[in-house]
Structures are given as C-alpha cells and as structure tokens.
C-alpha cells in the first residue's frame, strides 16, 4: 500500500472507530493527539475516565492485533502520560487503554483495557 493510501485508510479506520465509541455514548476528545512522546489515534471519555485508543486495521482482527508492537505501546504510554499530566488531577486521572481492531470488511472489535500493566 502506498503511503498516501495507507494514510487515508488509517483516517477512515479511526473515523469508523470514533463513530463506534460515539454510538456507545462516549464523547471523542481528540483525533490523532500528538505529544512529544508520540501520537494517540483517539481519546474518548467514559464518564470520568479518559480512554486512549490504538486503532489497527488489517484483513482480519488477528492480523490487525499482530501489528501492535511493543515500541508502539511504549509510545502510547508516553503520550498518554503527557496528556494526563495536563489534567487537573495529573497522573492520578482515571485512564484505560483500548485497542480497536478493524478487519477487511470493516467489522470493529474493541478490546477494552487491552494494555493494562
């Protein structure tokens, strides 16, 4: 896949996941939030909890899950820490990390709290 095609496919996948969360009543706080530590695909609110979401797309959910690397997880943690540091309660703010998988036909599978330490 060319860079431009991959970029637009990623945007489309993130938009689809954002619609899924909105449909569950979770307001979207940010798309592609970027800090010094890295980028977070989506940030939503689940009550008082910030949910940091990594979106992965491939021909199957299993393949999409395989595309999540340890390096990406570290960057996600770093960026989330930076985001939370700007909140009034700082790093004591409630948060979780979800992974949203999208397969080749557009089915979304959300794994809540997928990156719990």
PDB file of N, CA and C in Angstrom:
ATOM      1  N   UNK A   1       0.843  -1.173   0.000  1.00  0.00           N
ATOM      2  CA  UNK A   1       0.000   0.000   0.000  1.00  0.00           C
ATOM      3  C   UNK A   1       0.891   1.240   0.000  1.00  0.00           C
ATOM      4  N   UNK A   2       0.588   2.199  -0.840  1.00  0.00           N
ATOM      5  CA  UNK A   2       1.394   3.412  -0.872  1.00  0.00           C
ATOM      6  C   UNK A   2       1.155   4.230   0.390  1.00  0.00           C
ATOM      7  N   UNK A   3       2.063   5.149   0.665  1.00  0.00           N
ATOM      8  CA  UNK A   3       1.953   5.970   1.865  1.00  0.00           C
ATOM      9  C   UNK A   3       0.665   6.756   1.938  1.00  0.00           C
ATOM     10  N   UNK A   4       0.264   7.353   0.821  1.00  0.00           N
ATOM     11  CA  UNK A   4      -0.955   8.158   0.806  1.00  0.00           C
ATOM     12  C   UNK A   4      -2.190   7.282   1.002  1.00  0.00           C
ATOM     13  N   UNK A   5      -2.214   6.124   0.376  1.00  0.00           N
ATOM     14  CA  UNK A   5      -3.338   5.200   0.532  1.00  0.00           C
ATOM     15  C   UNK A   5      -3.409   4.721   1.982  1.00  0.00           C
ATOM     16  N   UNK A   6      -2.260   4.374   2.572  1.00  0.00           N
ATOM     17  CA  UNK A   6      -2.218   3.932   3.973  1.00  0.00           C
ATOM     18  C   UNK A   6      -2.702   5.033   4.902  1.00  0.00           C
ATOM     19  N   UNK A   7      -2.275   6.249   4.633  1.00  0.00           N
ATOM     20  CA  UNK A   7      -2.682   7.389   5.456  1.00  0.00           C
ATOM     21  C   UNK A   7      -4.196   7.541   5.461  1.00  0.00           C
ATOM     22  N   UNK A   8      -4.805   7.512   4.267  1.00  0.00           N
ATOM     23  CA  UNK A   8      -6.256   7.682   4.167  1.00  0.00           C
ATOM     24  C   UNK A   8      -7.008   6.475   4.736  1.00  0.00           C
ATOM     25  N   UNK A   9      -6.457   5.283   4.569  1.00  0.00           N
ATOM     26  CA  UNK A   9      -7.074   4.088   5.167  1.00  0.00           C
ATOM     27  C   UNK A   9      -7.055   4.201   6.682  1.00  0.00           C
ATOM     28  N   UNK A  10      -5.961   4.721   7.234  1.00  0.00           N
ATOM     29  CA  UNK A  10      -5.871   4.921   8.678  1.00  0.00           C
ATOM     30  C   UNK A  10      -6.877   5.940   9.175  1.00  0.00           C
ATOM     31  N   UNK A  11      -7.010   7.044   8.452  1.00  0.00           N
ATOM     32  CA  UNK A  11      -8.005   8.060   8.830  1.00  0.00           C
ATOM     33  C   UNK A  11      -9.408   7.483   8.808  1.00  0.00           C
ATOM     34  N   UNK A  12      -9.715   6.720   7.770  1.00  0.00           N
ATOM     35  CA  UNK A  12     -11.032   6.106   7.646  1.00  0.00           C
ATOM     36  C   UNK A  12     -11.291   5.131   8.798  1.00  0.00           C
ATOM     37  N   UNK A  13     -10.299   4.323   9.141  1.00  0.00           N
ATOM     38  CA  UNK A  13     -10.452   3.368  10.242  1.00  0.00           C
ATOM     39  C   UNK A  13     -10.678   4.108  11.557  1.00  0.00           C
ATOM     40  N   UNK A  14      -9.915   5.160  11.790  1.00  0.00           N
ATOM     41  CA  UNK A  14     -10.076   5.931  13.025  1.00  0.00           C
ATOM     42  C   UNK A  14     -11.446   6.589  13.093  1.00  0.00           C
ATOM     43  N   UNK A  15     -11.935   7.107  11.961  1.00  0.00           N
ATOM     44  CA  UNK A  15     -13.278   7.703  11.929  1.00  0.00           C
ATOM     45  C   UNK A  15     -14.340   6.656  12.249  1.00  0.00           C
ATOM     46  N   UNK A  16     -14.174   5.455  11.712  1.00  0.00           N
ATOM     47  CA  UNK A  16     -15.127   4.384  11.968  1.00  0.00           C
ATOM     48  C   UNK A  16     -15.143   4.017  13.455  1.00  0.00           C
ATOM     49  N   UNK A  17     -13.979   3.935  14.060  1.00  0.00           N
ATOM     50  CA  UNK A  17     -13.892   3.616  15.485  1.00  0.00           C
ATOM     51  C   UNK A  17     -14.480   4.758  16.313  1.00  0.00           C
ATOM     52  N   UNK A  18     -14.218   6.008  15.931  1.00  0.00           N
ATOM     53  CA  UNK A  18     -14.789   7.154  16.644  1.00  0.00           C
ATOM     54  C   UNK A  18     -16.316   7.091  16.611  1.00  0.00           C
ATOM     55  N   UNK A  19     -16.887   6.737  15.463  1.00  0.00           N
ATOM     56  CA  UNK A  19     -18.354   6.597  15.368  1.00  0.00           C
ATOM     57  C   UNK A  19     -18.853   5.491  16.294  1.00  0.00           C
ATOM     58  N   UNK A  20     -18.111   4.406  16.389  1.00  0.00           N
ATOM     59  CA  UNK A  20     -18.492   3.302  17.264  1.00  0.00           C
ATOM     60  C   UNK A  20     -18.533   3.769  18.719  1.00  0.00           C
ATOM     61  N   UNK A  21     -17.509   4.476  19.155  1.00  0.00           N
ATOM     62  CA  UNK A  21     -17.488   4.973  20.534  1.00  0.00           C
ATOM     63  C   UNK A  21     -18.592   6.003  20.769  1.00  0.00           C
ATOM     64  N   UNK A  22     -18.787   6.915  19.815  1.00  0.00           N
ATOM     65  CA  UNK A  22     -19.873   7.898  19.952  1.00  0.00           C
ATOM     66  C   UNK A  22     -21.216   7.187  20.083  1.00  0.00           C
ATOM     67  N   UNK A  23     -21.401   6.134  19.295  1.00  0.00           N
ATOM     68  CA  UNK A  23     -22.640   5.360  19.358  1.00  0.00           C
ATOM     69  C   UNK A  23     -22.860   4.722  20.717  1.00  0.00           C
ATOM     70  N   UNK A  24     -21.795   4.487  21.444  1.00  0.00           N
ATOM     71  CA  UNK A  24     -21.883   3.941  22.807  1.00  0.00           C
ATOM     72  C   UNK A  24     -22.025   5.053  23.851  1.00  0.00           C
ATOM     73  N   UNK A  25     -22.070   6.290  23.377  1.00  0.00           N
ATOM     74  CA  UNK A  25     -22.256   7.419  24.281  1.00  0.00           C
ATOM     75  C   UNK A  25     -20.976   8.019  24.832  1.00  0.00           C
ATOM     76  N   UNK A  26     -19.823   7.693  24.228  1.00  0.00           N
ATOM     77  CA  UNK A  26     -18.540   8.217  24.690  1.00  0.00           C
ATOM     78  C   UNK A  26     -18.138   9.393  23.800  1.00  0.00           C
ATOM     79  N   UNK A  27     -18.051  10.587  24.350  1.00  0.00           N
ATOM     80  CA  UNK A  27     -17.622  11.716  23.520  1.00  0.00           C
ATOM     81  C   UNK A  27     -16.148  11.586  23.123  1.00  0.00           C
ATOM     82  N   UNK A  28     -15.869  11.957  21.884  1.00  0.00           N
ATOM     83  CA  UNK A  28     -14.492  11.939  21.382  1.00  0.00           C
ATOM     84  C   UNK A  28     -13.832  13.248  21.797  1.00  0.00           C
ATOM     85  N   UNK A  29     -12.706  13.128  22.485  1.00  0.00           N
ATOM     86  CA  UNK A  29     -11.956  14.295  22.960  1.00  0.00           C
ATOM     87  C   UNK A  29     -10.929  14.740  21.920  1.00  0.00           C
ATOM     88  N   UNK A  30     -10.269  13.772  21.274  1.00  0.00           N
ATOM     89  CA  UNK A  30      -9.222  14.129  20.308  1.00  0.00           C
ATOM     90  C   UNK A  30      -9.015  13.010  19.295  1.00  0.00           C
ATOM     91  N   UNK A  31      -8.700  13.408  18.067  1.00  0.00           N
ATOM     92  CA  UNK A  31      -8.252  12.510  16.997  1.00  0.00           C
ATOM     93  C   UNK A  31      -6.770  12.790  16.782  1.00  0.00           C
ATOM     94  N   UNK A  32      -5.989  11.752  16.688  1.00  0.00           N
ATOM     95  CA  UNK A  32      -4.553  11.878  16.399  1.00  0.00           C
ATOM     96  C   UNK A  32      -3.876  12.928  17.273  1.00  0.00           C
ATOM     97  N   UNK A  33      -4.079  12.786  18.576  1.00  0.00           N
ATOM     98  CA  UNK A  33      -3.443  13.701  19.524  1.00  0.00           C
ATOM     99  C   UNK A  33      -1.942  13.431  19.527  1.00  0.00           C
ATOM    100  N   UNK A  34      -1.177  14.480  19.372  1.00  0.00           N
ATOM    101  CA  UNK A  34       0.274  14.309  19.279  1.00  0.00           C
ATOM    102  C   UNK A  34       0.956  15.073  20.409  1.00  0.00           C
ATOM    103  N   UNK A  35       1.820  14.342  21.099  1.00  0.00           N
ATOM    104  CA  UNK A  35       2.675  14.941  22.116  1.00  0.00           C
ATOM    105  C   UNK A  35       4.111  14.637  21.761  1.00  0.00           C
ATOM    106  N   UNK A  36       5.025  15.000  22.641  1.00  0.00           N
ATOM    107  CA  UNK A  36       6.438  14.732  22.383  1.00  0.00           C
ATOM    108  C   UNK A  36       6.725  13.238  22.402  1.00  0.00           C
ATOM    109  N   UNK A  37       5.936  12.478  23.186  1.00  0.00           N
ATOM    110  CA  UNK A  37       6.159  11.039  23.308  1.00  0.00           C
ATOM    111  C   UNK A  37       5.612  10.223  22.160  1.00  0.00           C
ATOM    112  N   UNK A  38       4.730  10.789  21.362  1.00  0.00           N
ATOM    113  CA  UNK A  38       4.133  10.053  20.259  1.00  0.00           C
ATOM    114  C   UNK A  38       2.710  10.507  19.988  1.00  0.00           C
ATOM    115  N   UNK A  39       1.992   9.684  19.248  1.00  0.00           N
ATOM    116  CA  UNK A  39       0.632  10.023  18.824  1.00  0.00           C
ATOM    117  C   UNK A  39      -0.357   9.008  19.382  1.00  0.00           C
ATOM    118  N   UNK A  40      -1.535   9.519  19.744  1.00  0.00           N
ATOM    119  CA  UNK A  40      -2.644   8.671  20.188  1.00  0.00           C
ATOM    120  C   UNK A  40      -3.723   8.784  19.125  1.00  0.00           C
ATOM    121  N   UNK A  41      -4.158   7.642  18.585  1.00  0.00           N
ATOM    122  CA  UNK A  41      -5.143   7.674  17.500  1.00  0.00           C
ATOM    123  C   UNK A  41      -6.432   8.363  17.924  1.00  0.00           C
ATOM    124  N   UNK A  42      -6.991   7.945  19.055  1.00  0.00           N
ATOM    125  CA  UNK A  42      -8.239   8.535  19.553  1.00  0.00           C
ATOM    126  C   UNK A  42      -8.196   8.626  21.069  1.00  0.00           C
ATOM    127  N   UNK A  43      -8.826   9.681  21.582  1.00  0.00           N
ATOM    128  CA  UNK A  43      -9.050   9.804  23.016  1.00  0.00           C
ATOM    129  C   UNK A  43     -10.532  10.081  23.195  1.00  0.00           C
ATOM    130  N   UNK A  44     -11.194   9.266  24.025  1.00  0.00           N
ATOM    131  CA  UNK A  44     -12.606   9.459  24.327  1.00  0.00           C
ATOM    132  C   UNK A  44     -12.785   9.506  25.841  1.00  0.00           C
ATOM    133  N   UNK A  45     -13.991   9.893  26.269  1.00  0.00           N
ATOM    134  CA  UNK A  45     -14.317   9.896  27.701  1.00  0.00           C
ATOM    135  C   UNK A  45     -15.359   8.822  27.968  1.00  0.00           C
ATOM    136  N   UNK A  46     -15.121   8.061  29.003  1.00  0.00           N
ATOM    137  CA  UNK A  46     -16.069   7.082  29.530  1.00  0.00           C
ATOM    138  C   UNK A  46     -16.336   7.525  30.961  1.00  0.00           C
ATOM    139  N   UNK A  47     -17.325   8.408  31.125  1.00  0.00           N
ATOM    140  CA  UNK A  47     -17.557   9.010  32.433  1.00  0.00           C
ATOM    141  C   UNK A  47     -16.377   9.880  32.809  1.00  0.00           C
ATOM    142  N   UNK A  48     -15.749   9.573  33.939  1.00  0.00           N
ATOM    143  CA  UNK A  48     -14.588  10.336  34.406  1.00  0.00           C
ATOM    144  C   UNK A  48     -13.270   9.795  33.853  1.00  0.00           C
ATOM    145  N   UNK A  49     -13.336   8.702  33.095  1.00  0.00           N
ATOM    146  CA  UNK A  49     -12.146   8.017  32.607  1.00  0.00           C
ATOM    147  C   UNK A  49     -11.794   8.453  31.191  1.00  0.00           C
ATOM    148  N   UNK A  50     -10.529   8.785  30.976  1.00  0.00           N
ATOM    149  CA  UNK A  50     -10.045   9.003  29.621  1.00  0.00           C
ATOM    150  C   UNK A  50      -9.684   7.641  29.045  1.00  0.00           C
ATOM    151  N   UNK A  51     -10.081   7.407  27.796  1.00  0.00           N
ATOM    152  CA  UNK A  51      -9.776   6.157  27.111  1.00  0.00           C
ATOM    153  C   UNK A  51      -8.865   6.493  25.939  1.00  0.00           C
ATOM    154  N   UNK A  52      -7.659   5.910  25.975  1.00  0.00           N
ATOM    155  CA  UNK A  52      -6.681   6.090  24.914  1.00  0.00           C
ATOM    156  C   UNK A  52      -6.782   4.877  23.994  1.00  0.00           C
ATOM    157  N   UNK A  53      -6.999   5.137  22.707  1.00  0.00           N
ATOM    158  CA  UNK A  53      -7.318   4.054  21.777  1.00  0.00           C
ATOM    159  C   UNK A  53      -6.289   3.984  20.658  1.00  0.00           C
ATOM    160  N   UNK A  54      -5.752   2.787  20.478  1.00  0.00           N
ATOM    161  CA  UNK A  54      -4.885   2.491  19.340  1.00  0.00           C
ATOM    162  C   UNK A  54      -5.731   1.739  18.326  1.00  0.00           C
ATOM    163  N   UNK A  55      -5.777   2.219  17.091  1.00  0.00           N
ATOM    164  CA  UNK A  55      -6.584   1.618  16.032  1.00  0.00           C
ATOM    165  C   UNK A  55      -5.655   0.838  15.101  1.00  0.00           C
ATOM    166  N   UNK A  56      -6.019  -0.399  14.833  1.00  0.00           N
ATOM    167  CA  UNK A  56      -5.249  -1.248  13.920  1.00  0.00           C
ATOM    168  C   UNK A  56      -6.197  -1.875  12.912  1.00  0.00           C
ATOM    169  N   UNK A  57      -5.805  -1.821  11.638  1.00  0.00           N
ATOM    170  CA  UNK A  57      -6.628  -2.377  10.562  1.00  0.00           C
ATOM    171  C   UNK A  57      -5.801  -3.361   9.742  1.00  0.00           C
ATOM    172  N   UNK A  58      -6.423  -4.504   9.418  1.00  0.00           N
ATOM    173  CA  UNK A  58      -5.800  -5.492   8.548  1.00  0.00           C
ATOM    174  C   UNK A  58      -6.910  -6.383   8.005  1.00  0.00           C
ATOM    175  N   UNK A  59      -6.540  -7.403   7.259  1.00  0.00           N
ATOM    176  CA  UNK A  59      -7.580  -8.241   6.646  1.00  0.00           C
ATOM    177  C   UNK A  59      -8.367  -9.051   7.667  1.00  0.00           C
ATOM    178  N   UNK A  60      -7.775  -9.305   8.841  1.00  0.00           N
ATOM    179  CA  UNK A  60      -8.503  -9.999   9.916  1.00  0.00           C
ATOM    180  C   UNK A  60      -8.183  -9.307  11.239  1.00  0.00           C
ATOM    181  N   UNK A  61      -9.024  -9.534  12.223  1.00  0.00           N
ATOM    182  CA  UNK A  61      -8.758  -8.956  13.542  1.00  0.00           C
ATOM    183  C   UNK A  61      -7.445  -9.484  14.115  1.00  0.00           C
ATOM    184  N   UNK A  62      -7.174 -10.769  13.904  1.00  0.00           N
ATOM    185  CA  UNK A  62      -5.930 -11.356  14.416  1.00  0.00           C
ATOM    186  C   UNK A  62      -4.722 -10.677  13.783  1.00  0.00           C
ATOM    187  N   UNK A  63      -4.770 -10.477  12.465  1.00  0.00           N
ATOM    188  CA  UNK A  63      -3.658  -9.804  11.781  1.00  0.00           C
ATOM    189  C   UNK A  63      -3.498  -8.370  12.278  1.00  0.00           C
ATOM    190  N   UNK A  64      -4.631  -7.701  12.491  1.00  0.00           N
ATOM    191  CA  UNK A  64      -4.570  -6.326  12.990  1.00  0.00           C
ATOM    192  C   UNK A  64      -3.899  -6.295  14.362  1.00  0.00           C
ATOM    193  N   UNK A  65      -4.261  -7.233  15.227  1.00  0.00           N
ATOM    194  CA  UNK A  65      -3.674  -7.290  16.570  1.00  0.00           C
ATOM    195  C   UNK A  65      -2.171  -7.531  16.499  1.00  0.00           C
ATOM    196  N   UNK A  66      -1.743  -8.337  15.555  1.00  0.00           N
ATOM    197  CA  UNK A  66      -0.312  -8.634  15.404  1.00  0.00           C
ATOM    198  C   UNK A  66       0.502  -7.398  15.025  1.00  0.00           C
ATOM    199  N   UNK A  67      -0.156  -6.399  14.488  1.00  0.00           N
ATOM    200  CA  UNK A  67       0.532  -5.194  14.027  1.00  0.00           C
ATOM    201  C   UNK A  67       0.855  -4.219  15.164  1.00  0.00           C
ATOM    202  N   UNK A  68       0.395  -4.515  16.373  1.00  0.00           N
ATOM    203  CA  UNK A  68       0.679  -3.659  17.518  1.00  0.00           C
ATOM    204  C   UNK A  68       2.004  -4.079  18.145  1.00  0.00           C
ATOM    205  N   UNK A  69       2.994  -3.219  18.042  1.00  0.00           N
ATOM    206  CA  UNK A  69       4.341  -3.565  18.513  1.00  0.00           C
ATOM    207  C   UNK A  69       4.586  -3.037  19.929  1.00  0.00           C
ATOM    208  N   UNK A  70       5.576  -3.619  20.579  1.00  0.00           N
ATOM    209  CA  UNK A  70       5.987  -3.156  21.910  1.00  0.00           C
ATOM    210  C   UNK A  70       6.423  -1.691  21.848  1.00  0.00           C
ATOM    211  N   UNK A  71       7.077  -1.314  20.787  1.00  0.00           N
ATOM    212  CA  UNK A  71       7.519   0.078  20.616  1.00  0.00           C
ATOM    213  C   UNK A  71       6.318   1.026  20.553  1.00  0.00           C
ATOM    214  N   UNK A  72       5.280   0.629  19.820  1.00  0.00           N
ATOM    215  CA  UNK A  72       4.074   1.462  19.736  1.00  0.00           C
ATOM    216  C   UNK A  72       3.401   1.585  21.097  1.00  0.00           C
ATOM    217  N   UNK A  73       3.380   0.499  21.846  1.00  0.00           N
ATOM    218  CA  UNK A  73       2.766   0.528  23.173  1.00  0.00           C
ATOM    219  C   UNK A  73       3.532   1.496  24.075  1.00  0.00           C
ATOM    220  N   UNK A  74       4.855   1.454  24.049  1.00  0.00           N
ATOM    221  CA  UNK A  74       5.662   2.385  24.850  1.00  0.00           C
ATOM    222  C   UNK A  74       5.365   3.837  24.459  1.00  0.00           C
ATOM    223  N   UNK A  75       5.275   4.088  23.167  1.00  0.00           N
ATOM    224  CA  UNK A  75       4.960   5.453  22.701  1.00  0.00           C
ATOM    225  C   UNK A  75       3.565   5.884  23.151  1.00  0.00           C
ATOM    226  N   UNK A  76       2.622   4.960  23.102  1.00  0.00           N
ATOM    227  CA  UNK A  76       1.260   5.264  23.548  1.00  0.00           C
ATOM    228  C   UNK A  76       1.261   5.612  25.030  1.00  0.00           C
ATOM    229  N   UNK A  77       1.971   4.831  25.844  1.00  0.00           N
ATOM    230  CA  UNK A  77       2.080   5.130  27.277  1.00  0.00           C
ATOM    231  C   UNK A  77       2.728   6.493  27.503  1.00  0.00           C
ATOM    232  N   UNK A  78       3.796   6.777  26.771  1.00  0.00           N
ATOM    233  CA  UNK A  78       4.475   8.063  26.925  1.00  0.00           C
ATOM    234  C   UNK A  78       3.553   9.221  26.569  1.00  0.00           C
ATOM    235  N   UNK A  79       2.868   9.107  25.445  1.00  0.00           N
ATOM    236  CA  UNK A  79       1.966  10.177  25.010  1.00  0.00           C
ATOM    237  C   UNK A  79       0.793  10.332  25.979  1.00  0.00           C
ATOM    238  N   UNK A  80       0.253   9.223  26.457  1.00  0.00           N
ATOM    239  CA  UNK A  80      -0.865   9.290  27.411  1.00  0.00           C
ATOM    240  C   UNK A  80      -0.420   9.961  28.706  1.00  0.00           C
ATOM    241  N   UNK A  81       0.790   9.629  29.167  1.00  0.00           N
ATOM    242  CA  UNK A  81       1.312  10.277  30.362  1.00  0.00           C
ATOM    243  C   UNK A  81       1.435  11.778  30.180  1.00  0.00           C
ATOM    244  N   UNK A  82       1.866  12.178  29.010  1.00  0.00           N
ATOM    245  CA  UNK A  82       1.977  13.603  28.698  1.00  0.00           C
ATOM    246  C   UNK A  82       0.601  14.262  28.686  1.00  0.00           C
ATOM    247  N   UNK A  83      -0.380  13.591  28.070  1.00  0.00           N
ATOM    248  CA  UNK A  83      -1.742  14.120  28.031  1.00  0.00           C
ATOM    249  C   UNK A  83      -2.298  14.252  29.451  1.00  0.00           C
ATOM    250  N   UNK A  84      -2.163  13.188  30.250  1.00  0.00           N
ATOM    251  CA  UNK A  84      -2.717  13.185  31.606  1.00  0.00           C
ATOM    252  C   UNK A  84      -2.048  14.229  32.501  1.00  0.00           C
ATOM    253  N   UNK A  85      -0.776  14.501  32.265  1.00  0.00           N
ATOM    254  CA  UNK A  85      -0.069  15.496  33.066  1.00  0.00           C
ATOM    255  C   UNK A  85      -0.713  16.873  32.936  1.00  0.00           C
ATOM    256  N   UNK A  86      -1.439  17.107  31.834  1.00  0.00           N
ATOM    257  CA  UNK A  86      -2.098  18.399  31.630  1.00  0.00           C
ATOM    258  C   UNK A  86      -3.480  18.460  32.286  1.00  0.00           C
ATOM    259  N   UNK A  87      -3.950  17.350  32.842  1.00  0.00           N
ATOM    260  CA  UNK A  87      -5.254  17.301  33.505  1.00  0.00           C
ATOM    261  C   UNK A  87      -5.124  17.813  34.935  1.00  0.00           C
ATOM    262  N   UNK A  88      -6.217  18.340  35.520  1.00  0.00           N
ATOM    263  CA  UNK A  88      -6.144  18.862  36.893  1.00  0.00           C
ATOM    264  C   UNK A  88      -5.612  17.848  37.912  1.00  0.00           C
ATOM    265  N   UNK A  89      -5.982  16.568  37.791  1.00  0.00           N
ATOM    266  CA  UNK A  89      -5.504  15.546  38.737  1.00  0.00           C
ATOM    267  C   UNK A  89      -4.195  14.916  38.267  1.00  0.00           C
ATOM    268  N   UNK A  90      -3.661  15.377  37.148  1.00  0.00           N
ATOM    269  CA  UNK A  90      -2.398  14.858  36.642  1.00  0.00           C
ATOM    270  C   UNK A  90      -2.453  13.364  36.383  1.00  0.00           C
ATOM    271  N   UNK A  91      -1.408  12.663  36.776  1.00  0.00           N
ATOM    272  CA  UNK A  91      -1.323  11.225  36.523  1.00  0.00           C
ATOM    273  C   UNK A  91      -2.266  10.413  37.403  1.00  0.00           C
ATOM    274  N   UNK A  92      -2.970  11.080  38.316  1.00  0.00           N
ATOM    275  CA  UNK A  92      -3.990  10.392  39.120  1.00  0.00           C
ATOM    276  C   UNK A  92      -5.341  10.361  38.412  1.00  0.00           C
ATOM    277  N   UNK A  93      -5.421  10.911  37.216  1.00  0.00           N
ATOM    278  CA  UNK A  93      -6.642  10.899  36.417  1.00  0.00           C
ATOM    279  C   UNK A  93      -6.938   9.466  35.985  1.00  0.00           C
ATOM    280  N   UNK A  94      -8.206   9.068  36.065  1.00  0.00           N
ATOM    281  CA  UNK A  94      -8.599   7.724  35.633  1.00  0.00           C
ATOM    282  C   UNK A  94      -8.368   7.577  34.134  1.00  0.00           C
ATOM    283  N   UNK A  95      -7.787   6.442  33.743  1.00  0.00           N
ATOM    284  CA  UNK A  95      -7.490   6.207  32.331  1.00  0.00           C
ATOM    285  C   UNK A  95      -7.446   4.716  32.049  1.00  0.00           C
ATOM    286  N   UNK A  96      -7.703   4.372  30.782  1.00  0.00           N
ATOM    287  CA  UNK A  96      -7.502   2.999  30.322  1.00  0.00           C
ATOM    288  C   UNK A  96      -7.056   3.052  28.871  1.00  0.00           C
ATOM    289  N   UNK A  97      -6.537   1.908  28.411  1.00  0.00           N
ATOM    290  CA  UNK A  97      -6.029   1.791  27.049  1.00  0.00           C
ATOM    291  C   UNK A  97      -6.814   0.705  26.326  1.00  0.00           C
ATOM    292  N   UNK A  98      -7.511   1.103  25.273  1.00  0.00           N
ATOM    293  CA  UNK A  98      -8.250   0.160  24.438  1.00  0.00           C
ATOM    294  C   UNK A  98      -7.515  -0.020  23.119  1.00  0.00           C
ATOM    295  N   UNK A  99      -7.730  -1.171  22.508  1.00  0.00           N
ATOM    296  CA  UNK A  99      -7.260  -1.415  21.144  1.00  0.00           C
ATOM    297  C   UNK A  99      -8.492  -1.698  20.297  1.00  0.00           C
ATOM    298  N   UNK A 100      -8.612  -0.997  19.179  1.00  0.00           N
ATOM    299  CA  UNK A 100      -9.730  -1.198  18.251  1.00  0.00           C
ATOM    300  C   UNK A 100      -9.178  -1.857  16.991  1.00  0.00           C
ATOM    301  N   UNK A 101      -9.715  -3.027  16.682  1.00  0.00           N
ATOM    302  CA  UNK A 101      -9.275  -3.796  15.522  1.00  0.00           C
ATOM    303  C   UNK A 101     -10.338  -3.724  14.442  1.00  0.00           C
ATOM    304  N   UNK A 102      -9.914  -3.505  13.206  1.00  0.00           N
ATOM    305  CA  UNK A 102     -10.848  -3.455  12.078  1.00  0.00           C
ATOM    306  C   UNK A 102     -10.368  -4.454  11.040  1.00  0.00           C
ATOM    307  N   UNK A 103     -11.297  -5.319  10.602  1.00  0.00           N
ATOM    308  CA  UNK A 103     -10.913  -6.317   9.602  1.00  0.00           C
ATOM    309  C   UNK A 103     -11.201  -5.795   8.197  1.00  0.00           C
ATOM    310  N   UNK A 104     -10.911  -6.620   7.206  1.00  0.00           N
ATOM    311  CA  UNK A 104     -11.021  -6.235   5.808  1.00  0.00           C
ATOM    312  C   UNK A 104     -12.412  -5.880   5.331  1.00  0.00           C
ATOM    313  N   UNK A 105     -13.445  -6.316   6.046  1.00  0.00           N
ATOM    314  CA  UNK A 105     -14.814  -5.964   5.651  1.00  0.00           C
ATOM    315  C   UNK A 105     -15.398  -4.878   6.544  1.00  0.00           C
ATOM    316  N   UNK A 106     -14.554  -4.313   7.420  1.00  0.00           N
ATOM    317  CA  UNK A 106     -14.987  -3.169   8.207  1.00  0.00           C
ATOM    318  C   UNK A 106     -15.588  -3.478   9.564  1.00  0.00           C
ATOM    319  N   UNK A 107     -15.511  -4.727   9.999  1.00  0.00           N
ATOM    320  CA  UNK A 107     -16.028  -5.044  11.339  1.00  0.00           C
ATOM    321  C   UNK A 107     -15.051  -4.526  12.386  1.00  0.00           C
ATOM    322  N   UNK A 108     -15.618  -3.913  13.426  1.00  0.00           N
ATOM    323  CA  UNK A 108     -14.812  -3.342  14.504  1.00  0.00           C
ATOM    324  C   UNK A 108     -14.900  -4.250  15.722  1.00  0.00           C
ATOM    325  N   UNK A 109     -13.750  -4.575  16.284  1.00  0.00           N
ATOM    326  CA  UNK A 109     -13.689  -5.288  17.562  1.00  0.00           C
ATOM    327  C   UNK A 109     -12.903  -4.421  18.521  1.00  0.00           C
ATOM    328  N   UNK A 110     -13.527  -4.080  19.633  1.00  0.00           N
ATOM    329  CA  UNK A 110     -12.862  -3.236  20.629  1.00  0.00           C
ATOM    330  C   UNK A 110     -12.457  -4.114  21.807  1.00  0.00           C
ATOM    331  N   UNK A 111     -11.191  -4.038  22.142  1.00  0.00           N
ATOM    332  CA  UNK A 111     -10.680  -4.755  23.307  1.00  0.00           C
ATOM    333  C   UNK A 111     -10.429  -3.704  24.379  1.00  0.00           C
ATOM    334  N   UNK A 112     -11.336  -3.662  25.356  1.00  0.00           N
ATOM    335  CA  UNK A 112     -11.224  -2.669  26.425  1.00  0.00           C
ATOM    336  C   UNK A 112     -10.107  -3.051  27.384  1.00  0.00           C
ATOM    337  N   UNK A 113      -9.411  -2.036  27.865  1.00  0.00           N
ATOM    338  CA  UNK A 113      -8.340  -2.215  28.832  1.00  0.00           C
ATOM    339  C   UNK A 113      -7.306  -3.223  28.344  1.00  0.00           C
ATOM    340  N   UNK A 114      -7.045  -3.191  27.049  1.00  0.00           N
ATOM    341  CA  UNK A 114      -6.169  -4.190  26.416  1.00  0.00           C
ATOM    342  C   UNK A 114      -4.719  -4.064  26.856  1.00  0.00           C
ATOM    343  N   UNK A 115      -4.309  -2.894  27.263  1.00  0.00           N
ATOM    344  CA  UNK A 115      -2.903  -2.684  27.564  1.00  0.00           C
ATOM    345  C   UNK A 115      -2.673  -2.452  29.056  1.00  0.00           C
ATOM    346  N   UNK A 116      -3.466  -3.121  29.878  1.00  0.00           N
ATOM    347  CA  UNK A 116      -3.288  -2.940  31.320  1.00  0.00           C
ATOM    348  C   UNK A 116      -1.939  -3.493  31.742  1.00  0.00           C
ATOM    349  N   UNK A 117      -1.283  -2.758  32.608  1.00  0.00           N
ATOM    350  CA  UNK A 117       0.070  -3.149  33.020  1.00  0.00           C
ATOM    351  C   UNK A 117       0.019  -4.165  34.141  1.00  0.00           C
TER     352      UNK A 117
END
